[in-house]
N, C-alpha and C. Protein backbone atom coordinates (compact mmCIF):
# COMPACT_ATOMS: atom_id res chain seq x y z
N MET A 1 94.40 92.02 79.25
CA MET A 1 94.98 92.04 80.58
C MET A 1 95.56 93.42 80.91
N ALA A 2 96.16 94.06 79.92
CA ALA A 2 96.75 95.37 80.16
C ALA A 2 95.70 96.38 80.58
N LYS A 3 94.54 96.31 79.99
CA LYS A 3 93.47 97.25 80.36
C LYS A 3 93.06 97.06 81.81
N ASN A 4 93.02 95.82 82.29
CA ASN A 4 92.63 95.54 83.66
C ASN A 4 93.65 96.14 84.64
N ASN A 5 94.96 95.98 84.36
CA ASN A 5 95.98 96.56 85.22
C ASN A 5 95.90 98.08 85.23
N GLU A 6 95.66 98.65 84.08
CA GLU A 6 95.55 100.11 83.97
C GLU A 6 94.38 100.61 84.81
N LEU A 7 93.26 99.92 84.73
CA LEU A 7 92.07 100.30 85.49
C LEU A 7 92.33 100.18 86.99
N LEU A 8 92.97 99.10 87.41
CA LEU A 8 93.28 98.93 88.83
C LEU A 8 94.20 100.04 89.33
N GLU A 9 95.16 100.44 88.51
CA GLU A 9 96.06 101.53 88.89
C GLU A 9 95.28 102.83 89.08
N TRP A 10 94.42 103.16 88.14
CA TRP A 10 93.70 104.42 88.21
C TRP A 10 92.61 104.42 89.28
N LEU A 11 92.08 103.26 89.61
CA LEU A 11 91.08 103.20 90.69
C LEU A 11 91.73 103.16 92.07
N GLY A 12 93.03 102.97 92.11
CA GLY A 12 93.72 102.94 93.39
C GLY A 12 93.46 101.66 94.16
N LEU A 13 93.43 100.54 93.47
CA LEU A 13 93.13 99.28 94.10
C LEU A 13 94.34 98.34 94.15
N THR A 14 95.53 98.89 94.10
CA THR A 14 96.73 98.07 94.16
C THR A 14 97.19 97.96 95.62
N PRO A 15 98.04 96.99 95.94
CA PRO A 15 98.54 96.88 97.31
C PRO A 15 99.25 98.15 97.80
N ALA A 16 99.99 98.81 96.91
CA ALA A 16 100.67 100.05 97.30
C ALA A 16 99.65 101.12 97.68
N ASP A 17 98.57 101.20 96.93
CA ASP A 17 97.53 102.18 97.24
C ASP A 17 96.85 101.88 98.57
N MET A 18 96.68 100.61 98.88
CA MET A 18 96.08 100.24 100.16
C MET A 18 96.98 100.68 101.32
N LEU A 19 98.29 100.57 101.14
CA LEU A 19 99.22 101.06 102.17
C LEU A 19 99.10 102.57 102.33
N VAL A 20 98.91 103.27 101.22
CA VAL A 20 98.73 104.73 101.28
C VAL A 20 97.45 105.06 102.04
N TYR A 21 96.38 104.33 101.79
CA TYR A 21 95.12 104.58 102.49
C TYR A 21 95.27 104.35 103.98
N LEU A 22 96.00 103.31 104.37
CA LEU A 22 96.26 103.06 105.80
C LEU A 22 97.10 104.19 106.40
N ALA A 23 98.08 104.66 105.63
CA ALA A 23 98.90 105.77 106.10
C ALA A 23 98.06 107.03 106.29
N LEU A 24 97.17 107.30 105.35
CA LEU A 24 96.27 108.45 105.49
C LEU A 24 95.38 108.34 106.72
N ALA A 25 94.89 107.14 106.99
CA ALA A 25 94.06 106.93 108.17
C ALA A 25 94.86 107.19 109.44
N ALA A 26 96.08 106.72 109.49
CA ALA A 26 96.92 106.93 110.68
C ALA A 26 97.23 108.41 110.88
N ILE A 27 97.58 109.09 109.80
CA ILE A 27 97.90 110.51 109.91
C ILE A 27 96.66 111.33 110.24
N GLY A 28 95.54 110.97 109.66
CA GLY A 28 94.29 111.66 110.00
C GLY A 28 93.90 111.45 111.45
N ALA A 29 94.14 110.26 111.96
CA ALA A 29 93.80 109.97 113.36
C ALA A 29 94.65 110.79 114.32
N MET A 30 95.84 111.19 113.90
CA MET A 30 96.68 112.04 114.76
C MET A 30 95.98 113.33 115.13
N PHE A 31 95.19 113.86 114.22
CA PHE A 31 94.53 115.13 114.47
C PHE A 31 93.30 114.98 115.37
N VAL A 32 92.88 113.75 115.62
CA VAL A 32 91.71 113.49 116.45
C VAL A 32 92.12 113.04 117.85
N VAL A 33 93.15 112.23 117.92
CA VAL A 33 93.60 111.68 119.20
C VAL A 33 94.41 112.73 119.93
N HIS A 34 94.21 112.84 121.23
CA HIS A 34 94.90 113.86 122.00
C HIS A 34 95.82 113.26 123.05
N ASP A 35 96.44 112.14 122.72
CA ASP A 35 97.38 111.49 123.61
C ASP A 35 98.75 111.49 122.93
N ARG A 36 99.74 111.99 123.63
CA ARG A 36 101.07 112.17 123.02
C ARG A 36 101.66 110.85 122.53
N THR A 37 101.56 109.81 123.33
CA THR A 37 102.13 108.52 122.93
C THR A 37 101.43 107.98 121.70
N THR A 38 100.12 108.07 121.67
CA THR A 38 99.35 107.59 120.52
C THR A 38 99.67 108.43 119.29
N ASP A 39 99.85 109.73 119.47
CA ASP A 39 100.24 110.60 118.37
C ASP A 39 101.55 110.15 117.73
N ILE A 40 102.51 109.83 118.57
CA ILE A 40 103.82 109.41 118.07
C ILE A 40 103.69 108.09 117.32
N ILE A 41 102.93 107.15 117.88
CA ILE A 41 102.73 105.85 117.22
C ILE A 41 102.05 106.04 115.86
N LEU A 42 101.02 106.89 115.82
CA LEU A 42 100.32 107.14 114.57
C LEU A 42 101.20 107.84 113.55
N ALA A 43 102.03 108.78 114.00
CA ALA A 43 102.93 109.47 113.08
C ALA A 43 103.94 108.50 112.47
N VAL A 44 104.52 107.66 113.32
CA VAL A 44 105.50 106.69 112.82
C VAL A 44 104.82 105.70 111.88
N ALA A 45 103.62 105.24 112.25
CA ALA A 45 102.89 104.29 111.40
C ALA A 45 102.53 104.93 110.06
N GLY A 46 102.05 106.16 110.08
CA GLY A 46 101.66 106.84 108.85
C GLY A 46 102.83 107.04 107.90
N VAL A 47 103.92 107.56 108.43
CA VAL A 47 105.09 107.79 107.57
C VAL A 47 105.70 106.45 107.15
N GLY A 48 105.74 105.49 108.07
CA GLY A 48 106.29 104.17 107.73
C GLY A 48 105.50 103.47 106.64
N LEU A 49 104.18 103.51 106.75
CA LEU A 49 103.35 102.90 105.71
C LEU A 49 103.51 103.63 104.38
N GLY A 50 103.64 104.95 104.44
CA GLY A 50 103.87 105.72 103.21
C GLY A 50 105.20 105.34 102.56
N LEU A 51 106.23 105.19 103.37
CA LEU A 51 107.52 104.77 102.84
C LEU A 51 107.47 103.35 102.30
N ALA A 52 106.72 102.48 102.97
CA ALA A 52 106.60 101.09 102.51
C ALA A 52 105.86 101.00 101.18
N SER A 53 104.99 101.96 100.91
CA SER A 53 104.25 101.94 99.65
C SER A 53 105.11 102.33 98.46
N CYS A 54 106.20 103.05 98.70
CA CYS A 54 107.02 103.55 97.59
C CYS A 54 107.61 102.46 96.71
N PRO A 55 108.32 101.47 97.26
CA PRO A 55 108.89 100.46 96.36
C PRO A 55 107.83 99.69 95.58
N LEU A 56 106.69 99.45 96.21
CA LEU A 56 105.61 98.74 95.51
C LEU A 56 104.98 99.61 94.44
N GLY A 57 104.69 100.85 94.80
CA GLY A 57 103.97 101.73 93.88
C GLY A 57 104.81 102.30 92.77
N MET A 58 106.10 102.49 93.02
CA MET A 58 106.96 103.11 92.02
C MET A 58 107.51 102.12 91.01
N ALA A 59 107.30 100.84 91.23
CA ALA A 59 107.82 99.83 90.31
C ALA A 59 107.16 99.98 88.93
N ARG A 60 107.97 99.94 87.92
CA ARG A 60 107.46 100.05 86.56
C ARG A 60 106.69 98.79 86.19
N ASP A 61 105.55 98.98 85.56
CA ASP A 61 104.71 97.87 85.12
C ASP A 61 104.63 97.91 83.60
N PRO A 62 105.13 96.89 82.91
CA PRO A 62 105.11 96.92 81.45
C PRO A 62 103.70 96.81 80.86
N GLU A 63 102.73 96.46 81.68
CA GLU A 63 101.36 96.29 81.18
C GLU A 63 100.52 97.56 81.25
N VAL A 64 101.10 98.65 81.75
CA VAL A 64 100.36 99.91 81.79
C VAL A 64 101.10 100.94 80.94
N SER A 65 100.44 102.04 80.65
CA SER A 65 101.02 103.05 79.75
C SER A 65 102.20 103.78 80.40
N LYS A 66 102.95 104.47 79.57
CA LYS A 66 104.07 105.26 80.06
C LYS A 66 103.59 106.38 80.99
N LEU A 67 102.44 106.96 80.65
CA LEU A 67 101.89 108.02 81.49
C LEU A 67 101.55 107.50 82.88
N THR A 68 100.91 106.35 82.95
CA THR A 68 100.57 105.77 84.25
C THR A 68 101.83 105.46 85.05
N ASN A 69 102.84 104.89 84.40
CA ASN A 69 104.10 104.61 85.09
C ASN A 69 104.76 105.90 85.59
N ALA A 70 104.71 106.96 84.80
CA ALA A 70 105.31 108.23 85.21
C ALA A 70 104.57 108.82 86.41
N ILE A 71 103.26 108.74 86.38
CA ILE A 71 102.46 109.26 87.50
C ILE A 71 102.73 108.45 88.76
N LYS A 72 102.78 107.13 88.61
CA LYS A 72 103.10 106.26 89.76
C LYS A 72 104.47 106.62 90.33
N PHE A 73 105.45 106.81 89.46
CA PHE A 73 106.81 107.07 89.90
C PHE A 73 106.90 108.37 90.69
N ALA A 74 106.10 109.36 90.33
CA ALA A 74 106.15 110.67 91.00
C ALA A 74 105.23 110.76 92.21
N SER A 75 104.09 110.09 92.17
CA SER A 75 103.07 110.32 93.20
C SER A 75 103.42 109.74 94.57
N TYR A 76 104.09 108.62 94.63
CA TYR A 76 104.37 108.02 95.93
C TYR A 76 105.37 108.83 96.75
N PRO A 77 106.48 109.32 96.18
CA PRO A 77 107.35 110.19 96.97
C PRO A 77 106.67 111.50 97.36
N ILE A 78 105.81 112.01 96.49
CA ILE A 78 105.08 113.24 96.83
C ILE A 78 104.17 112.97 98.03
N PHE A 79 103.52 111.81 98.05
CA PHE A 79 102.68 111.47 99.20
C PHE A 79 103.50 111.41 100.48
N VAL A 80 104.67 110.81 100.44
CA VAL A 80 105.51 110.71 101.65
C VAL A 80 105.91 112.12 102.11
N ALA A 81 106.25 112.99 101.18
CA ALA A 81 106.59 114.37 101.54
C ALA A 81 105.39 115.07 102.19
N LEU A 82 104.21 114.88 101.63
CA LEU A 82 103.01 115.49 102.22
C LEU A 82 102.68 114.90 103.59
N ALA A 83 102.95 113.60 103.76
CA ALA A 83 102.74 112.97 105.06
C ALA A 83 103.67 113.58 106.10
N LEU A 84 104.91 113.79 105.72
CA LEU A 84 105.87 114.41 106.64
C LEU A 84 105.45 115.85 106.99
N ILE A 85 104.96 116.56 106.00
CA ILE A 85 104.47 117.94 106.24
C ILE A 85 103.28 117.91 107.19
N ALA A 86 102.35 116.96 107.00
CA ALA A 86 101.19 116.85 107.89
C ALA A 86 101.62 116.55 109.32
N VAL A 87 102.58 115.68 109.48
CA VAL A 87 103.08 115.36 110.82
C VAL A 87 103.72 116.61 111.44
N ALA A 88 104.52 117.33 110.67
CA ALA A 88 105.15 118.55 111.17
C ALA A 88 104.10 119.59 111.55
N VAL A 89 103.11 119.78 110.70
CA VAL A 89 102.03 120.74 111.00
C VAL A 89 101.31 120.34 112.28
N HIS A 90 101.05 119.07 112.41
CA HIS A 90 100.36 118.59 113.61
C HIS A 90 101.17 118.93 114.86
N TYR A 91 102.46 118.70 114.84
CA TYR A 91 103.26 118.95 116.03
C TYR A 91 103.56 120.41 116.27
N VAL A 92 103.59 121.22 115.22
CA VAL A 92 103.88 122.65 115.41
C VAL A 92 102.63 123.40 115.85
N TRP A 93 101.50 123.17 115.19
CA TRP A 93 100.31 123.96 115.46
C TRP A 93 99.30 123.33 116.41
N PHE A 94 99.22 122.03 116.42
CA PHE A 94 98.15 121.39 117.19
C PHE A 94 98.63 120.76 118.49
N ASN A 95 99.91 120.73 118.75
CA ASN A 95 100.42 120.07 119.93
C ASN A 95 101.16 121.09 120.82
N ASN A 96 100.49 121.57 121.78
CA ASN A 96 101.10 122.58 122.67
C ASN A 96 101.70 121.93 123.89
């Protein structure tokens, strides 16, 4: 069973990872859509989904290795920081 959980973690098939993928889609869509209201909705959705993924993704799992738990613990906050940077870049450089 432990091997299966480890594989799911590394393949990115956990519920937390699905939230991250949705957040990436929302943030990516900001760069395509040229409507201010839609941009704001997508930015809030992207950052919100990224924040929602943190408690799920950062939770320690006793069935996976220490390395996997450490990577999980660090990667979700890093993603949220990168999402915030992407939103800032979008509004500074792409939104006149």
